[in-house]
Amino acid sequence: MPNLRVALCQIDPWVGDLARNGDEVVRWTKQAVEAGAQLVAFPEMVLTGYPVEDLALRHSFVEASRGALVELAGRLADDGLGEVPVVVGYLGRSDHPSPRFNRPAGSPQNCAAVLHRGQVLTRFAKHHLPNYGVFDEFRWFVPGDQLPVLRLHGVDVALAICEDIWQDGGRVTAAREAGAGLLLVINGSPYERNKDDQRLELVRRRAAEAGCTLAYVNMVGGQDELVFDGDSIVVDADGRVLARSPQFEEHLLVLDLDLPAASSDHTDGLLLGDGLHLVRTELGDEPSPAPAEPLTADIAPRLSDEAEIWAALVSGTRAYVVKNGFASVLIGLSGGIDSALVAAIAVDAVGADNVHCVSMPSRYSSQHSRDDAAELARRTGLHFRTVPIAPMFDAYLSATELTGLAEENLQSRLRGTLLMAISNQEGHIVLAPGNKSELAVGYSTLYGDSVGAYGPIKDVYKSLVFRLARWRNEEAERRGEVPPIPENTITKPPSAELRPDQVDTDSLPDYDLLDTVLDHYIEGDQGRDAIVAAGFDPAVVDRVVRLVDTAEYKRRQYPPGPKISVKNFGRDRRLPITNRWRRG
């Protein structure tokens, strides 16, 4: 049985930075070749970054991507890496019109290519285009209609791109028809909770359907709201996991695979299932026997639920700050649980020396909250200062009569103005502290606590905020470090502290109840009657549904934040602002 040493390069591409991404492909290919790899694969659209969104509609960007691909093939050969085929994702265009989709020749495509001996040996486009959740690929691309198969060292390797295995049929069943010994899939699969389990089951099922070993390489890093967790996997046709990369880390996975010898005599152009045409590329080289000491890759352990979410929040925050050219962040640190968690995330993401926090007490700020903010700063080593807003607040009240909610919101808006002023003066990026529970019901002040360029816990319900805070402290103790978040911040009743003795439950149901109803309504897309039928108090459900529906305009104006749930506020959930439907 022939042996093939395969390298999966789980890396972090930057959208739009063709030069950097090309450099990374060369660097990681060199490492793979030094490890003896005979086939090297990179994630989906690694050359352009992913997703490129409407950049795909710019002719100049498409042509820059195509040109960078040709240049990359030459660079690999010039660096002595040209003898090993390299599979690279990029932004391409169609050669022929697509009447079915009413698109002309030259329309953008989500493509991949095989680079070998200084040439772009073969190109193909993604067949299944996702158009749900965070994906809008039918807006940008036209699908491909080929099944590319490489014959390398006596093995037939079929190639596919991400969604090609998330949908039934297509390249998976075509790979079986073509007699492939390996199905290699390049991916840009974003993270959400528990997706690693879902992904593993999918890969196992598709390997069985293809009747061959399946190698799945995914990207890591963050892009705006999306976070990519890696989790590259290799399984055999029986579903046995042969190798698995760690989550949220760049990683080179190299292993030897004993694969069936190529035996199919199917010819180019053969029509397979789903209208796919077989495109076979002969790369030559005799079958390789198993090496005396076969290389077996590790199966990285899975992270706990809290550790996985924490890594996603940290990765998303770090990517947004660094990739947008900022060196430091600014947070309004109140002493409450939300800003404390955001500060802890920021310290892990960019380092304490790059985190600047401001306490902005008003006449209603409790002394224990001020002390908690200062204590967090002491524990973590971040930069901390205090700027009271009481004089500004009094000046406003002397100029105009404000009471009730208007008076409360003025405090938040003064803090937002102050944060943006410091940001402008010192060049920090402001992080907004709002959580998903508050955003869902509109319990946030526009131009106040919604101020910022990024919201690290935007997709985190309040009950999960508390869980993550406790987990992060426990993790610090496990490492022999000082827990970053003061215990009093976690145990005291949450409060906006905008009026005397205020607590959140004055305005909202208990967070465990609220979050459960929100989960039904938002993630589950259940209507009012279905939620009541599940056993919830009709009055509570009616109130929550009304609050969620009337707060849509606020959420539209909130900054982006890392997606961790199946349905985040942003790319996933798109409801009209002006909307008279009130039955859930």
Protein backbone atom coordinates (compact mmCIF):
# COMPACT_ATOMS: atom_id res chain seq x y z
CA MET A 1 0.00 0.00 0.00
CA PRO A 2 1.50 3.38 -0.98
CA ASN A 3 2.43 5.85 1.72
CA LEU A 4 1.86 9.59 1.49
CA ARG A 5 3.25 12.12 3.99
CA VAL A 6 0.70 14.94 4.21
CA ALA A 7 1.13 18.34 5.89
CA LEU A 8 -1.84 20.43 7.00
CA CYS A 9 -0.84 24.05 7.69
CA GLN A 10 -3.32 25.52 10.19
CA ILE A 11 -2.47 29.24 9.94
CA ASP A 12 -3.95 32.73 10.39
CA PRO A 13 -4.35 34.69 7.13
CA TRP A 14 -5.10 38.44 7.13
CA VAL A 15 -7.88 39.65 4.83
CA GLY A 16 -6.52 41.78 2.00
CA ASP A 17 -2.83 41.34 2.86
CA LEU A 18 -1.73 39.29 -0.14
CA ALA A 19 1.98 39.88 0.41
CA ARG A 20 1.93 38.82 4.05
CA ASN A 21 -0.23 35.78 3.36
CA GLY A 22 2.07 34.71 0.53
CA ASP A 23 5.07 35.03 2.83
CA GLU A 24 3.32 32.84 5.38
CA VAL A 25 2.58 30.17 2.77
CA VAL A 26 6.27 30.06 1.82
CA ARG A 27 7.37 29.97 5.47
CA TRP A 28 5.04 27.16 6.49
CA THR A 29 5.69 25.19 3.29
CA LYS A 30 9.40 25.27 4.09
CA GLN A 31 8.69 23.79 7.53
CA ALA A 32 6.47 21.12 5.99
CA VAL A 33 9.06 20.15 3.36
CA GLU A 34 11.76 20.01 6.02
CA ALA A 35 9.50 17.52 7.81
CA GLY A 36 9.43 15.38 4.66
CA ALA A 37 5.94 16.28 3.45
CA GLN A 38 4.97 15.09 -0.03
CA LEU A 39 1.73 17.11 -0.16
CA VAL A 40 1.10 20.42 1.64
CA ALA A 41 -2.31 22.03 2.17
CA PHE A 42 -3.42 25.45 3.42
CA PRO A 43 -6.89 26.75 4.42
CA GLU A 44 -9.63 28.16 2.23
CA MET A 45 -8.76 31.48 0.56
CA VAL A 46 -5.52 31.63 2.53
CA LEU A 47 -3.95 33.95 -0.02
CA THR A 48 -6.62 36.66 0.39
CA GLY A 49 -7.87 35.91 3.89
CA TYR A 50 -11.46 34.88 4.54
CA PRO A 51 -14.17 36.03 4.26
CA VAL A 52 -13.40 38.83 1.80
CA GLU A 53 -17.07 39.87 1.57
CA ASP A 54 -17.66 42.57 -1.08
CA LEU A 55 -13.95 42.80 -1.86
CA ALA A 56 -14.79 39.86 -4.10
CA LEU A 57 -16.78 42.26 -6.29
CA ARG A 58 -13.73 44.45 -6.95
CA HIS A 59 -12.09 43.46 -10.21
CA SER A 60 -8.76 44.86 -9.05
CA PHE A 61 -8.73 42.61 -5.97
CA VAL A 62 -9.62 39.50 -7.96
CA GLU A 63 -6.82 40.17 -10.43
CA ALA A 64 -4.37 40.95 -7.60
CA SER A 65 -5.22 37.58 -6.05
CA ARG A 66 -4.72 35.75 -9.33
CA GLY A 67 -1.43 37.51 -9.91
CA ALA A 68 -0.26 36.76 -6.37
CA LEU A 69 -1.02 33.08 -6.95
CA VAL A 70 1.23 32.90 -10.01
CA GLU A 71 3.95 34.81 -8.17
CA LEU A 72 3.66 32.45 -5.21
CA ALA A 73 4.16 29.41 -7.43
CA GLY A 74 7.38 30.96 -8.71
CA ARG A 75 8.58 31.87 -5.22
CA LEU A 76 8.08 28.33 -3.95
CA ALA A 77 10.17 26.98 -6.83
CA ASP A 78 12.86 29.63 -6.40
CA ASP A 79 13.12 28.69 -2.71
CA GLY A 80 13.66 25.04 -3.55
CA LEU A 81 10.13 24.01 -2.57
CA GLY A 82 8.68 23.46 -6.02
CA GLU A 83 8.90 19.67 -6.11
CA VAL A 84 6.20 19.32 -3.45
CA PRO A 85 2.63 20.12 -4.56
CA VAL A 86 1.00 22.82 -2.43
CA VAL A 87 -2.78 23.32 -2.25
CA VAL A 88 -3.65 27.00 -1.72
CA GLY A 89 -7.01 28.77 -1.50
CA TYR A 90 -7.42 32.11 -3.32
CA LEU A 91 -9.96 34.43 -4.95
CA GLY A 92 -10.40 33.61 -8.63
CA ARG A 93 -12.87 34.12 -11.43
CA SER A 94 -14.92 31.95 -13.76
CA ASP A 95 -13.81 31.20 -17.30
CA HIS A 96 -17.33 30.64 -18.60
CA PRO A 97 -20.73 32.29 -18.10
CA SER A 98 -23.13 30.74 -15.58
CA PRO A 99 -26.61 31.08 -17.15
CA ARG A 100 -28.24 29.24 -14.25
CA PHE A 101 -27.11 32.02 -11.89
CA ASN A 102 -27.38 34.80 -14.47
CA ARG A 103 -23.68 35.59 -14.06
CA PRO A 104 -21.22 36.37 -16.87
CA ALA A 105 -17.81 34.89 -17.46
CA GLY A 106 -15.24 36.48 -15.17
CA SER A 107 -17.53 36.36 -12.11
CA PRO A 108 -15.71 35.90 -8.77
CA GLN A 109 -15.15 32.40 -7.43
CA ASN A 110 -13.93 30.91 -4.18
CA CYS A 111 -11.03 28.93 -5.63
CA ALA A 112 -8.10 26.71 -4.79
CA ALA A 113 -5.08 25.75 -6.84
CA VAL A 114 -2.27 23.23 -6.82
CA LEU A 115 1.17 24.84 -7.13
CA HIS A 116 3.98 22.60 -8.39
CA ARG A 117 7.37 23.19 -9.99
CA GLY A 118 6.76 26.91 -10.37
CA GLN A 119 3.41 26.52 -12.09
CA VAL A 120 -0.26 26.81 -11.21
CA LEU A 121 -0.94 23.22 -12.13
CA THR A 122 -4.70 23.07 -11.66
CA ARG A 123 -7.45 25.40 -10.43
CA PHE A 124 -10.94 24.67 -9.19
CA ALA A 125 -13.82 26.52 -7.51
CA LYS A 126 -15.96 25.68 -4.50
CA HIS A 127 -18.99 23.66 -5.58
CA HIS A 128 -21.44 24.16 -2.70
CA LEU A 129 -21.82 27.82 -1.71
CA PRO A 130 -23.20 28.48 1.80
CA ASN A 131 -25.90 31.12 2.03
CA TYR A 132 -27.08 30.91 5.63
CA GLY A 133 -26.03 32.24 9.02
CA VAL A 134 -22.88 34.30 8.59
CA PHE A 135 -22.39 33.25 4.95
CA ASP A 136 -23.49 35.13 1.82
CA GLU A 137 -21.46 33.31 -0.79
CA PHE A 138 -24.16 33.37 -3.47
CA ARG A 139 -23.88 37.16 -3.29
CA TRP A 140 -20.24 36.99 -4.28
CA PHE A 141 -19.41 33.76 -6.09
CA VAL A 142 -20.51 31.32 -8.73
CA PRO A 143 -19.97 27.63 -8.01
CA GLY A 144 -17.47 25.31 -9.61
CA ASP A 145 -18.39 22.15 -11.51
CA GLN A 146 -15.26 20.00 -11.30
CA LEU A 147 -13.88 17.26 -9.12
CA PRO A 148 -10.10 17.72 -9.20
CA VAL A 149 -8.10 14.54 -8.55
CA LEU A 150 -4.31 14.51 -8.18
CA ARG A 151 -2.41 11.30 -8.83
CA LEU A 152 0.61 11.59 -6.56
CA HIS A 153 3.01 8.82 -5.48
CA GLY A 154 0.53 6.24 -6.69
CA VAL A 155 -2.43 7.67 -4.77
CA ASP A 156 -5.49 9.50 -6.10
CA VAL A 157 -6.21 12.59 -3.99
CA ALA A 158 -9.59 14.31 -4.48
CA LEU A 159 -9.86 17.98 -3.49
CA ALA A 160 -12.76 19.94 -1.97
CA ILE A 161 -13.44 23.26 -0.24
CA CYS A 162 -15.25 23.60 3.11
CA GLU A 163 -19.00 23.68 2.34
CA ASP A 164 -18.45 20.91 -0.20
CA ILE A 165 -18.56 18.47 2.73
CA TRP A 166 -21.24 20.26 4.78
CA GLN A 167 -23.83 19.52 2.08
CA ASP A 168 -24.88 16.05 0.98
CA GLY A 169 -23.61 14.71 -2.32
CA GLY A 170 -21.32 16.82 -4.46
CA ARG A 171 -17.61 16.23 -4.18
CA VAL A 172 -17.93 13.67 -1.38
CA THR A 173 -19.91 11.13 -3.41
CA ALA A 174 -17.98 12.12 -6.53
CA ALA A 175 -14.73 11.24 -4.73
CA ARG A 176 -16.08 7.74 -4.14
CA GLU A 177 -17.12 7.44 -7.79
CA ALA A 178 -13.63 8.52 -8.85
CA GLY A 179 -12.00 5.92 -6.57
CA ALA A 180 -10.04 8.45 -4.54
CA GLY A 181 -7.74 7.18 -1.81
CA LEU A 182 -7.73 10.50 0.05
CA LEU A 183 -10.20 13.39 0.19
CA LEU A 184 -8.37 16.61 1.09
CA VAL A 185 -10.62 19.47 2.22
CA ILE A 186 -9.41 23.05 2.79
CA ASN A 187 -11.59 25.13 5.11
CA GLY A 188 -12.49 28.51 6.56
CA SER A 189 -14.91 27.16 9.16
CA PRO A 190 -15.71 29.73 11.89
CA TYR A 191 -16.03 28.84 15.54
CA GLU A 192 -19.17 28.53 17.59
CA ARG A 193 -19.80 26.63 20.81
CA ASN A 194 -19.63 22.84 20.47
CA LYS A 195 -18.74 23.04 16.80
CA ASP A 196 -15.68 20.84 17.34
CA ASP A 197 -17.98 17.92 18.20
CA GLN A 198 -20.24 18.68 15.24
CA ARG A 199 -17.23 19.00 12.95
CA LEU A 200 -15.77 15.65 14.01
CA GLU A 201 -19.04 13.83 13.41
CA LEU A 202 -19.36 15.49 10.00
CA VAL A 203 -15.83 14.53 8.96
CA ARG A 204 -16.37 10.93 10.08
CA ARG A 205 -19.62 10.69 8.15
CA ARG A 206 -18.15 12.17 4.98
CA ALA A 207 -15.09 9.90 5.15
CA ALA A 208 -17.41 6.90 5.27
CA GLU A 209 -19.46 8.24 2.36
CA ALA A 210 -16.33 8.92 0.29
CA GLY A 211 -14.95 5.51 1.22
CA CYS A 212 -11.50 6.91 1.97
CA THR A 213 -9.36 8.80 4.45
CA LEU A 214 -10.35 12.45 4.84
CA ALA A 215 -7.90 15.24 5.75
CA TYR A 216 -9.49 18.50 6.89
CA VAL A 217 -7.38 21.66 7.35
CA ASN A 218 -8.92 24.77 8.90
CA MET A 219 -7.66 28.29 9.60
CA VAL A 220 -7.22 30.05 12.94
CA GLY A 221 -7.38 33.70 14.01
CA GLY A 222 -10.13 36.28 13.83
CA GLN A 223 -11.78 38.41 11.17
CA ASP A 224 -14.17 41.08 12.46
CA GLU A 225 -16.95 39.08 14.17
CA LEU A 226 -15.73 35.66 13.10
CA VAL A 227 -13.20 33.58 15.00
CA PHE A 228 -11.54 30.52 13.47
CA ASP A 229 -10.53 27.74 15.82
CA GLY A 230 -8.39 25.48 13.62
CA ASP A 231 -9.20 21.96 14.86
CA SER A 232 -7.75 20.36 11.70
CA ILE A 233 -8.54 16.65 11.62
CA VAL A 234 -7.55 13.48 9.74
CA VAL A 235 -9.84 10.44 9.95
CA ASP A 236 -9.83 7.15 8.08
CA ALA A 237 -12.78 5.64 6.23
CA ASP A 238 -13.89 3.85 9.41
CA GLY A 239 -14.06 7.14 11.31
CA ARG A 240 -10.93 6.56 13.39
CA VAL A 241 -9.19 9.83 14.28
CA LEU A 242 -5.59 9.63 13.05
CA ALA A 243 -4.52 13.17 13.98
CA ARG A 244 -6.02 16.38 15.31
CA SER A 245 -4.54 19.86 15.69
CA PRO A 246 -5.02 22.03 18.78
CA GLN A 247 -7.71 24.70 18.84
CA PHE A 248 -6.94 28.41 18.43
CA GLU A 249 -3.23 27.88 17.63
CA GLU A 250 -1.26 28.00 14.42
CA HIS A 251 -0.03 24.46 13.92
CA LEU A 252 1.72 22.22 11.42
CA LEU A 253 0.18 18.76 11.34
CA VAL A 254 2.35 16.22 9.46
CA LEU A 255 1.65 12.50 9.30
CA ASP A 256 2.21 9.42 7.18
CA LEU A 257 -0.88 7.86 5.63
CA ASP A 258 -1.04 4.36 4.19
CA LEU A 259 -3.51 4.77 1.34
CA PRO A 260 -4.90 2.48 -1.36
CA ALA A 261 -3.09 2.47 -4.67
CA ALA A 262 -4.73 4.40 -7.49
CA SER A 263 -6.62 1.94 -9.67
CA SER A 264 -9.30 3.97 -11.42
CA ASP A 265 -8.93 4.43 -15.17
CA HIS A 266 -11.60 7.15 -15.34
CA THR A 267 -10.67 9.76 -17.90
CA ASP A 268 -10.75 13.54 -17.83
CA GLY A 269 -14.17 15.09 -18.28
CA LEU A 270 -16.15 12.11 -16.98
CA LEU A 271 -19.50 13.33 -15.64
CA LEU A 272 -19.93 12.37 -12.00
CA GLY A 273 -22.72 13.03 -9.50
CA ASP A 274 -24.14 16.56 -9.07
CA GLY A 275 -22.94 17.43 -12.58
CA LEU A 276 -19.26 17.44 -11.58
CA HIS A 277 -16.67 16.82 -14.25
CA LEU A 278 -13.61 14.78 -13.31
CA VAL A 279 -10.36 16.67 -13.83
CA ARG A 280 -7.38 14.39 -13.27
CA THR A 281 -3.84 15.74 -12.87
CA GLU A 282 -0.87 13.39 -13.06
CA LEU A 283 1.97 14.51 -10.82
CA GLY A 284 4.10 11.44 -11.38
CA ASP A 285 6.50 9.87 -8.89
CA GLU A 286 6.50 6.22 -7.95
CA PRO A 287 4.48 4.96 -5.00
CA SER A 288 6.30 5.50 -1.73
CA PRO A 289 6.59 2.62 0.75
CA ALA A 290 5.97 3.29 4.40
CA PRO A 291 9.08 4.78 6.00
CA ALA A 292 11.06 2.71 8.49
CA GLU A 293 9.82 5.06 11.21
CA PRO A 294 6.37 6.30 10.16
CA LEU A 295 5.47 9.79 11.33
CA THR A 296 2.31 9.81 13.44
CA ALA A 297 0.77 13.08 14.54
CA ASP A 298 -0.69 13.80 17.95
CA ILE A 299 -4.39 14.00 18.72
CA ALA A 300 -4.61 17.29 20.59
CA PRO A 301 -6.83 17.21 23.69
CA ARG A 302 -10.10 19.13 23.57
CA LEU A 303 -10.62 22.26 25.62
CA SER A 304 -13.36 22.53 28.23
CA ASP A 305 -16.42 24.61 27.32
CA GLU A 306 -15.23 27.64 29.30
CA ALA A 307 -11.63 27.33 28.08
CA GLU A 308 -12.81 27.09 24.49
CA ILE A 309 -15.05 30.16 24.77
CA TRP A 310 -12.30 32.11 26.54
CA ALA A 311 -9.83 31.26 23.78
CA ALA A 312 -12.36 32.42 21.16
CA LEU A 313 -12.96 35.74 22.93
CA VAL A 314 -9.23 36.35 23.38
CA SER A 315 -8.42 35.34 19.79
CA GLY A 316 -11.16 37.56 18.34
CA THR A 317 -10.15 40.55 20.45
CA ARG A 318 -6.45 40.18 19.70
CA ALA A 319 -7.08 39.81 15.97
CA TYR A 320 -9.31 42.88 15.80
CA VAL A 321 -6.83 45.07 17.69
CA VAL A 322 -3.64 43.87 15.97
CA LYS A 323 -4.98 43.50 12.43
CA ASN A 324 -6.43 47.02 12.56
CA GLY A 325 -3.06 48.45 13.50
CA PHE A 326 -3.63 49.32 17.16
CA ALA A 327 -1.10 48.70 19.90
CA SER A 328 -3.28 49.28 22.96
CA VAL A 329 -6.86 49.22 24.24
CA LEU A 330 -8.93 51.46 26.52
CA ILE A 331 -11.71 50.27 28.84
CA GLY A 332 -14.02 52.05 31.24
CA LEU A 333 -13.48 49.99 34.38
CA SER A 334 -16.45 50.39 36.72
CA GLY A 335 -15.78 47.63 39.22
CA GLY A 336 -18.69 45.64 37.77
CA ILE A 337 -18.49 42.14 36.34
CA ASP A 338 -18.76 43.05 32.64
CA SER A 339 -15.93 45.57 32.45
CA ALA A 340 -13.84 43.33 34.72
CA LEU A 341 -14.26 40.39 32.34
CA VAL A 342 -13.47 42.56 29.31
CA ALA A 343 -10.32 43.83 31.04
CA ALA A 344 -9.21 40.27 31.82
CA ILE A 345 -9.82 39.23 28.21
CA ALA A 346 -7.86 42.24 26.98
CA VAL A 347 -4.90 41.46 29.27
CA ASP A 348 -4.76 37.91 27.90
CA ALA A 349 -5.17 39.19 24.34
CA VAL A 350 -2.62 42.01 24.13
CA GLY A 351 -0.76 42.02 27.45
CA ALA A 352 -1.30 44.10 30.59
CA ASP A 353 1.11 46.82 29.48
CA ASN A 354 -1.13 47.50 26.47
CA VAL A 355 -4.37 47.72 28.46
CA HIS A 356 -5.44 51.14 29.80
CA CYS A 357 -8.44 51.44 32.10
CA VAL A 358 -10.29 54.46 33.47
CA SER A 359 -12.52 54.59 36.52
CA MET A 360 -15.12 57.32 36.03
CA PRO A 361 -17.10 57.50 39.26
CA SER A 362 -20.23 59.60 39.66
CA ARG A 363 -22.10 60.52 42.84
CA TYR A 364 -23.85 57.10 42.64
CA SER A 365 -20.70 54.97 42.29
CA SER A 366 -20.22 52.85 45.38
CA GLN A 367 -16.89 52.80 47.17
CA HIS A 368 -16.68 49.02 46.86
CA SER A 369 -16.98 49.28 43.06
CA ARG A 370 -14.21 51.87 42.96
CA ASP A 371 -12.09 49.63 45.15
CA ASP A 372 -12.83 46.56 43.00
CA ALA A 373 -11.71 48.39 39.86
CA ALA A 374 -8.45 49.44 41.50
CA GLU A 375 -7.91 45.93 42.86
CA LEU A 376 -8.31 44.35 39.40
CA ALA A 377 -5.75 46.81 38.06
CA ARG A 378 -3.36 45.88 40.87
CA ARG A 379 -3.80 42.15 40.27
CA THR A 380 -3.27 42.29 36.52
CA GLY A 381 -0.73 45.12 36.25
CA LEU A 382 -2.72 47.08 33.66
CA HIS A 383 -2.59 50.90 33.47
CA PHE A 384 -5.24 52.52 35.65
CA ARG A 385 -6.42 56.05 36.34
CA THR A 386 -9.45 57.72 37.90
CA VAL A 387 -11.31 60.63 36.29
CA PRO A 388 -14.46 61.58 38.23
CA ILE A 389 -17.40 62.64 36.09
CA ALA A 390 -19.29 64.35 38.93
CA PRO A 391 -18.19 67.89 37.95
CA MET A 392 -19.22 67.33 34.33
CA PHE A 393 -22.49 65.76 35.42
CA ASP A 394 -23.28 68.69 37.72
CA ALA A 395 -22.48 71.14 34.93
CA TYR A 396 -24.98 69.47 32.62
CA LEU A 397 -27.67 69.38 35.30
CA SER A 398 -27.17 73.08 36.02
CA ALA A 399 -27.76 73.86 32.35
CA THR A 400 -30.83 71.69 31.80
CA GLU A 401 -33.41 69.87 33.90
CA LEU A 402 -32.96 66.11 33.61
CA THR A 403 -34.58 63.47 35.79
CA GLY A 404 -35.18 59.72 35.79
CA LEU A 405 -33.84 57.76 32.86
CA ALA A 406 -32.49 60.87 31.14
CA GLU A 407 -30.39 61.66 34.21
CA GLU A 408 -29.14 58.05 34.41
CA ASN A 409 -28.19 57.90 30.74
CA LEU A 410 -26.36 61.23 30.93
CA GLN A 411 -23.80 59.61 33.24
CA SER A 412 -23.18 56.80 30.78
CA ARG A 413 -22.88 59.22 27.85
CA LEU A 414 -20.41 61.41 29.73
CA ARG A 415 -18.28 58.32 30.28
CA GLY A 416 -18.51 57.42 26.60
CA THR A 417 -17.46 60.93 25.57
CA LEU A 418 -14.53 60.83 27.98
CA LEU A 419 -13.35 57.44 26.71
CA MET A 420 -13.45 58.61 23.10
CA ALA A 421 -11.55 61.78 24.00
CA ILE A 422 -8.79 59.77 25.67
CA SER A 423 -8.80 57.37 22.72
CA ASN A 424 -8.32 60.26 20.29
CA GLN A 425 -5.62 61.81 22.42
CA GLU A 426 -3.60 58.68 23.18
CA GLY A 427 -4.37 56.37 20.27
CA HIS A 428 -6.01 53.48 22.13
CA ILE A 429 -8.90 51.48 20.70
CA VAL A 430 -11.94 51.52 23.01
CA LEU A 431 -13.51 48.19 23.99
CA ALA A 432 -17.24 48.22 24.79
CA PRO A 433 -18.31 46.10 27.82
CA GLY A 434 -21.91 45.20 26.90
CA ASN A 435 -23.03 41.57 27.15
CA LYS A 436 -25.62 39.72 25.05
CA SER A 437 -28.35 39.80 27.70
CA GLU A 438 -28.20 43.58 27.93
CA LEU A 439 -28.01 44.04 24.17
CA ALA A 440 -30.96 41.71 23.69
CA VAL A 441 -33.31 43.74 25.89
CA GLY A 442 -31.87 47.19 25.21
CA TYR A 443 -30.40 47.55 28.70
CA SER A 444 -27.55 49.69 27.39
CA THR A 445 -27.15 53.37 26.65
CA LEU A 446 -26.57 54.50 23.10
CA TYR A 447 -23.47 56.70 22.85
CA GLY A 448 -22.66 55.68 26.41
CA ASP A 449 -21.70 52.12 27.34
CA SER A 450 -22.14 51.20 23.67
CA VAL A 451 -19.16 53.42 22.76
CA GLY A 452 -16.21 51.51 21.35
CA ALA A 453 -14.76 49.85 18.29
CA TYR A 454 -15.12 46.26 19.48
CA GLY A 455 -17.28 44.43 22.03
CA PRO A 456 -15.44 41.35 23.36
CA ILE A 457 -18.47 39.93 25.23
CA LYS A 458 -21.16 41.06 22.81
CA ASP A 459 -22.20 37.43 22.20
CA VAL A 460 -21.91 36.30 25.85
CA TYR A 461 -25.04 36.05 27.99
CA LYS A 462 -24.79 37.50 31.51
CA SER A 463 -25.06 34.11 33.20
CA LEU A 464 -22.11 32.95 31.09
CA VAL A 465 -20.21 36.13 32.02
CA PHE A 466 -20.24 34.96 35.63
CA ARG A 467 -19.18 31.42 34.66
CA LEU A 468 -16.26 32.72 32.63
CA ALA A 469 -15.13 35.03 35.42
CA ARG A 470 -15.08 32.16 37.89
CA TRP A 471 -13.33 29.88 35.38
CA ARG A 472 -10.62 32.47 34.62
CA ASN A 473 -9.91 32.89 38.33
CA GLU A 474 -9.78 29.12 38.84
CA GLU A 475 -7.46 28.80 35.85
CA ALA A 476 -5.13 31.41 37.36
CA GLU A 477 -5.04 29.50 40.64
CA ARG A 478 -4.30 26.28 38.77
CA ARG A 479 -1.31 27.99 37.16
CA GLY A 480 -0.12 29.41 40.46
CA GLU A 481 -1.04 32.96 39.42
CA VAL A 482 -3.09 35.69 41.08
CA PRO A 483 -6.77 35.48 40.01
CA PRO A 484 -7.41 38.61 37.94
CA ILE A 485 -11.00 39.36 38.99
CA PRO A 486 -11.77 40.35 42.61
CA GLU A 487 -14.16 37.96 44.31
CA ASN A 488 -16.43 40.83 45.34
CA THR A 489 -16.92 41.76 41.67
CA ILE A 490 -18.28 38.27 41.01
CA THR A 491 -20.47 37.87 44.09
CA LYS A 492 -22.14 41.29 44.45
CA PRO A 493 -25.52 41.88 42.75
CA PRO A 494 -24.98 43.42 39.30
CA SER A 495 -25.83 47.10 39.05
CA ALA A 496 -25.39 49.97 36.60
CA GLU A 497 -25.01 52.30 39.62
CA LEU A 498 -26.81 55.18 37.94
CA ARG A 499 -29.19 55.88 40.85
CA PRO A 500 -29.21 55.13 44.59
CA ASP A 501 -29.29 51.40 45.54
CA GLN A 502 -29.92 50.36 41.95
CA VAL A 503 -29.63 46.68 40.93
CA ASP A 504 -30.29 45.11 37.53
CA THR A 505 -33.23 43.07 38.83
CA ASP A 506 -35.10 46.35 39.36
CA SER A 507 -35.53 46.46 35.59
CA LEU A 508 -34.98 42.89 34.40
CA PRO A 509 -35.88 39.33 35.39
CA ASP A 510 -33.22 37.29 37.15
CA TYR A 511 -30.45 36.66 34.61
CA ASP A 512 -30.71 32.86 34.68
CA LEU A 513 -34.40 33.13 33.78
CA LEU A 514 -33.86 35.97 31.32
CA ASP A 515 -31.06 34.17 29.50
CA THR A 516 -33.08 30.98 29.20
CA VAL A 517 -36.00 32.84 27.61
CA LEU A 518 -33.60 34.75 25.36
CA ASP A 519 -32.00 31.50 24.24
CA HIS A 520 -35.40 30.17 23.18
CA TYR A 521 -36.31 33.40 21.39
CA ILE A 522 -32.99 34.28 19.75
CA GLU A 523 -30.98 31.10 19.20
CA GLY A 524 -34.06 28.89 18.96
CA ASP A 525 -36.14 31.35 16.87
CA GLN A 526 -39.19 30.25 18.86
CA GLY A 527 -42.25 32.46 19.01
CA ARG A 528 -44.02 33.71 22.12
CA ASP A 529 -46.59 30.89 22.24
CA ALA A 530 -43.96 28.15 21.89
CA ILE A 531 -41.90 29.61 24.75
CA VAL A 532 -44.97 29.88 27.00
CA ALA A 533 -45.87 26.28 26.11
CA ALA A 534 -42.41 25.27 27.30
CA GLY A 535 -43.46 26.32 30.81
CA PHE A 536 -42.44 29.96 31.13
CA ASP A 537 -44.58 32.65 32.74
CA PRO A 538 -46.56 34.40 29.97
CA ALA A 539 -46.02 37.82 31.56
CA VAL A 540 -42.24 37.31 31.63
CA VAL A 541 -42.19 36.05 28.04
CA ASP A 542 -44.33 38.94 26.79
CA ARG A 543 -42.09 41.44 28.50
CA VAL A 544 -38.85 39.90 27.22
CA VAL A 545 -40.13 39.56 23.65
CA ARG A 546 -41.26 43.18 23.64
CA LEU A 547 -37.91 44.40 24.97
CA VAL A 548 -35.96 42.40 22.41
CA ASP A 549 -38.08 43.52 19.48
CA THR A 550 -37.97 47.22 20.35
CA ALA A 551 -34.19 47.27 20.91
CA GLU A 552 -33.18 46.30 17.37
CA TYR A 553 -32.17 49.87 16.50
CA LYS A 554 -29.74 49.91 19.43
CA ARG A 555 -28.09 46.64 18.43
CA ARG A 556 -27.53 47.91 14.90
CA GLN A 557 -25.38 50.71 16.35
CA TYR A 558 -23.32 48.49 18.63
CA PRO A 559 -19.74 47.64 17.59
CA PRO A 560 -18.81 44.16 16.31
CA GLY A 561 -17.68 41.44 18.67
CA PRO A 562 -16.55 37.81 18.47
CA LYS A 563 -19.23 35.29 17.54
CA ILE A 564 -19.41 32.31 19.89
CA SER A 565 -23.07 31.27 19.62
CA VAL A 566 -25.09 29.74 16.81
CA LYS A 567 -26.85 33.08 16.34
CA ASN A 568 -25.05 36.30 17.23
CA PHE A 569 -26.33 39.86 16.96
CA GLY A 570 -24.80 40.94 13.67
CA ARG A 571 -24.13 38.63 10.76
CA ASP A 572 -26.43 35.84 11.96
CA ARG A 573 -29.61 37.61 13.04
CA ARG A 574 -31.04 40.16 10.62
CA LEU A 575 -34.42 41.53 11.55
CA PRO A 576 -36.09 44.76 10.45
CA ILE A 577 -35.80 47.74 12.77
CA THR A 578 -39.20 49.10 11.79
CA ASN A 579 -41.38 46.14 12.62
CA ARG A 580 -44.98 45.97 13.89
CA TRP A 581 -45.02 42.19 14.50
CA ARG A 582 -45.34 41.73 18.25
CA ARG A 583 -46.38 38.11 18.71
CA GLY A 584 -42.88 36.65 18.83
